[in-house]
Protein backbone atom coordinates (compact mmCIF):
# COMPACT_ATOMS: atom_id res chain seq x y z
CA MET A 1 20.06 8.87 17.35
CA ASP A 2 18.76 8.85 20.90
CA ALA A 3 17.27 5.76 22.54
CA ASN A 4 13.62 6.79 22.09
CA LYS A 5 14.02 7.43 18.36
CA HIS A 6 15.87 4.13 18.00
CA LYS A 7 13.05 2.24 19.76
CA LEU A 8 10.50 4.01 17.58
CA LYS A 9 12.41 3.05 14.41
CA ILE A 10 12.60 -0.60 15.53
CA GLY A 11 8.89 -0.56 16.33
CA GLU A 12 8.09 0.83 12.90
CA LEU A 13 10.31 -1.80 11.30
CA VAL A 14 8.51 -4.58 13.20
CA LEU A 15 5.11 -3.18 12.15
CA PHE A 16 6.29 -2.97 8.54
CA ALA A 17 7.51 -6.59 8.62
CA ALA A 18 4.21 -7.72 10.17
CA TYR A 19 2.32 -5.82 7.47
CA LEU A 20 4.33 -7.54 4.69
CA ILE A 21 3.76 -10.98 6.25
CA LEU A 22 0.01 -10.32 6.52
CA LEU A 23 -0.10 -9.00 2.94
CA PHE A 24 1.63 -12.09 1.55
CA TYR A 25 -0.55 -14.39 3.66
CA LEU A 26 -3.74 -12.76 2.38
CA VAL A 27 -2.56 -12.75 -1.23
CA PHE A 28 -1.15 -16.28 -1.39
CA PHE A 29 -2.68 -18.43 1.36
CA SER A 30 -5.93 -17.01 2.70
CA GLU A 31 -8.95 -19.18 1.94
CA SER A 32 -11.21 -16.20 2.61
CA MET A 33 -9.55 -14.45 -0.33
CA GLY A 34 -10.38 -17.36 -2.66
CA ARG A 35 -6.96 -19.01 -2.72
CA THR A 36 -8.18 -22.59 -3.00
CA GLY A 37 -9.64 -24.52 -5.89
CA GLU A 38 -8.71 -24.15 -9.53
CA HIS A 39 -5.04 -23.98 -10.46
CA GLN A 40 -4.86 -22.49 -13.91
CA TYR A 41 -3.28 -19.47 -15.51
CA ARG A 42 -5.62 -16.50 -15.20
CA TYR A 43 -4.75 -12.99 -16.21
CA ASN A 44 -6.23 -9.66 -17.22
CA LEU A 45 -4.09 -7.39 -19.39
CA THR A 46 -6.82 -4.85 -20.21
CA LEU A 47 -6.80 -1.83 -17.90
CA PHE A 48 -10.11 -1.21 -16.08
CA ARG A 49 -11.69 -4.48 -17.32
CA GLU A 50 -12.15 -6.04 -13.88
CA ILE A 51 -12.99 -2.75 -12.16
CA LYS A 52 -15.68 -2.13 -14.79
CA ARG A 53 -16.99 -5.71 -14.47
CA PHE A 54 -17.33 -5.41 -10.70
CA PHE A 55 -19.04 -2.04 -11.10
CA VAL A 56 -21.45 -3.14 -13.86
CA TYR A 57 -22.50 -6.31 -12.02
CA ARG A 58 -22.58 -4.76 -8.53
CA LYS A 59 -26.37 -5.17 -8.32
CA VAL A 60 -26.10 -8.87 -9.17
CA MET A 61 -22.97 -9.71 -7.17
CA GLY A 62 -23.51 -7.09 -4.48
CA TYR A 63 -21.20 -4.30 -3.43
CA GLU A 64 -18.88 -6.51 -1.38
CA PRO A 65 -16.83 -7.81 -4.35
CA LEU A 66 -16.55 -4.28 -5.74
CA LEU A 67 -15.35 -2.90 -2.41
CA LEU A 68 -13.05 -5.84 -1.77
CA ASN A 69 -11.46 -5.54 -5.20
CA VAL A 70 -11.19 -1.78 -5.62
CA VAL A 71 -10.97 -0.40 -2.09
CA GLY A 72 -9.23 -3.51 -0.75
CA ASN A 73 -6.40 -3.30 -3.29
CA VAL A 74 -5.86 0.38 -2.54
CA LEU A 75 -5.96 -0.12 1.24
CA ALA A 76 -3.66 -3.14 1.02
CA PHE A 77 -0.76 -1.01 -0.25
CA MET A 78 -1.33 2.18 1.74
CA PRO A 79 0.79 0.93 4.67
CA PHE A 80 3.66 0.33 2.23
CA GLY A 81 3.52 3.94 1.04
CA TYR A 82 3.28 5.18 4.62
CA PHE A 83 6.03 3.12 6.25
CA LEU A 84 8.68 3.20 3.52
CA PRO A 85 9.45 6.93 3.92
CA LYS A 86 9.53 6.50 7.69
CA LEU A 87 12.10 3.72 7.43
CA THR A 88 14.47 4.93 4.70
CA ARG A 89 15.78 8.26 3.48
CA ARG A 90 15.22 7.23 -0.13
CA GLY A 91 11.61 6.45 0.74
CA GLU A 92 11.07 10.15 1.46
CA ASN A 93 11.11 10.62 -2.31
CA LEU A 94 7.56 10.26 -3.65
CA PHE A 95 8.66 8.82 -6.99
CA PHE A 96 10.89 6.21 -5.31
CA THR A 97 8.14 5.09 -2.92
CA VAL A 98 5.46 4.84 -5.61
CA LEU A 99 7.87 3.04 -7.97
CA LEU A 100 8.78 0.54 -5.25
CA GLY A 101 5.07 0.05 -4.50
CA PHE A 102 4.49 -0.67 -8.18
CA GLU A 103 7.44 -3.10 -8.22
CA LEU A 104 6.16 -4.93 -5.14
CA SER A 105 2.71 -5.18 -6.70
CA LEU A 106 4.20 -6.43 -9.97
CA GLY A 107 6.16 -9.06 -8.04
CA VAL A 108 3.01 -10.21 -6.26
CA GLU A 109 1.03 -10.35 -9.51
CA LEU A 110 3.80 -12.28 -11.29
CA LEU A 111 4.01 -14.79 -8.42
CA GLN A 112 0.26 -15.26 -8.64
CA LEU A 113 0.60 -15.98 -12.36
CA ILE A 114 3.60 -18.31 -12.00
CA PHE A 115 2.11 -20.33 -9.15
CA LYS A 116 -1.44 -20.20 -10.55
CA ILE A 117 -2.78 -18.55 -7.41
CA GLY A 118 -5.38 -15.89 -8.06
CA CYS A 119 -5.12 -13.81 -11.19
CA PHE A 120 -2.47 -11.54 -12.70
CA ASP A 121 -4.44 -8.31 -13.11
CA VAL A 122 -3.25 -4.95 -14.41
CA ASP A 123 -6.13 -3.34 -12.54
CA ASP A 124 -4.59 -4.63 -9.31
CA LEU A 125 -1.25 -3.13 -10.37
CA LEU A 126 -2.92 0.24 -10.82
CA LEU A 127 -4.94 0.07 -7.59
CA ASN A 128 -1.97 -1.12 -5.52
CA THR A 129 0.21 1.65 -6.93
CA VAL A 130 -2.50 4.20 -6.11
CA GLY A 131 -2.53 2.74 -2.58
CA SER A 132 1.23 3.28 -2.26
CA PHE A 133 0.76 6.86 -3.46
CA LEU A 134 -2.06 7.55 -0.99
CA GLY A 135 -0.04 6.00 1.84
CA TYR A 136 2.81 8.34 0.99
CA LEU A 137 0.39 11.29 1.03
CA VAL A 138 -0.77 10.30 4.52
CA TYR A 139 2.88 10.14 5.64
CA PHE A 140 3.61 13.50 4.01
CA PHE A 141 0.51 15.14 5.55
CA PHE A 142 1.38 14.00 9.07
CA THR A 143 5.05 14.90 8.64
CA ARG A 144 4.19 18.41 7.45
CA ARG A 145 1.75 18.94 10.33
CA LYS A 146 4.41 17.76 12.76
CA ILE A 147 6.97 20.20 11.33
CA LYS A 148 4.46 23.09 11.39
CA ARG A 149 3.58 22.27 15.00
CA LYS A 150 7.26 22.31 16.01
CA LYS A 151 7.79 25.66 14.28
CA SER A 152 4.78 27.21 15.98
CA LYS A 153 6.04 26.10 19.42
CA LYS A 154 9.41 27.85 19.00
CA PRO A 155 9.52 31.11 20.97
CA LYS A 156 9.89 34.18 18.82
CA GLN A 157 13.09 36.10 19.32
CA GLU A 158 12.74 39.79 19.86
CA ASN A 159 14.86 42.11 17.80
CA ARG A 160 16.70 44.33 20.29
CA ALA A 161 18.85 47.18 19.15
């Protein structure tokens, strides 16, 4: 690996680490994300319950909670799905990346339940996993465009007899 590719890989690794630190800060410590106050076990094991609740009461609560919950959970895990294939060969496999995104989300949700921070929510598991998937699609799209661009720049060889 040449020096420029090595520097790029280290830069991506640093960005990935910073992303994980920010993610865990927001999930476990951020007051703006409602991480203070009651310390009790809260959980939702019914798929789409919270998404539906935010949608049904959007006119009462406003659109901000709906966007924060649905779009925020998806966006929170998109960097995971994008960076993992860039950093590891195994991450280039869609199934592996999405499965690891699900496992990370499950770990976060279980920690929230164990430490009574936030709420264990299967909707969050789904949305975070979708975010990992969409992040992988962004990676795949840009990788494919990059490969196509390289192929189109290659000079065509003439067939001489």
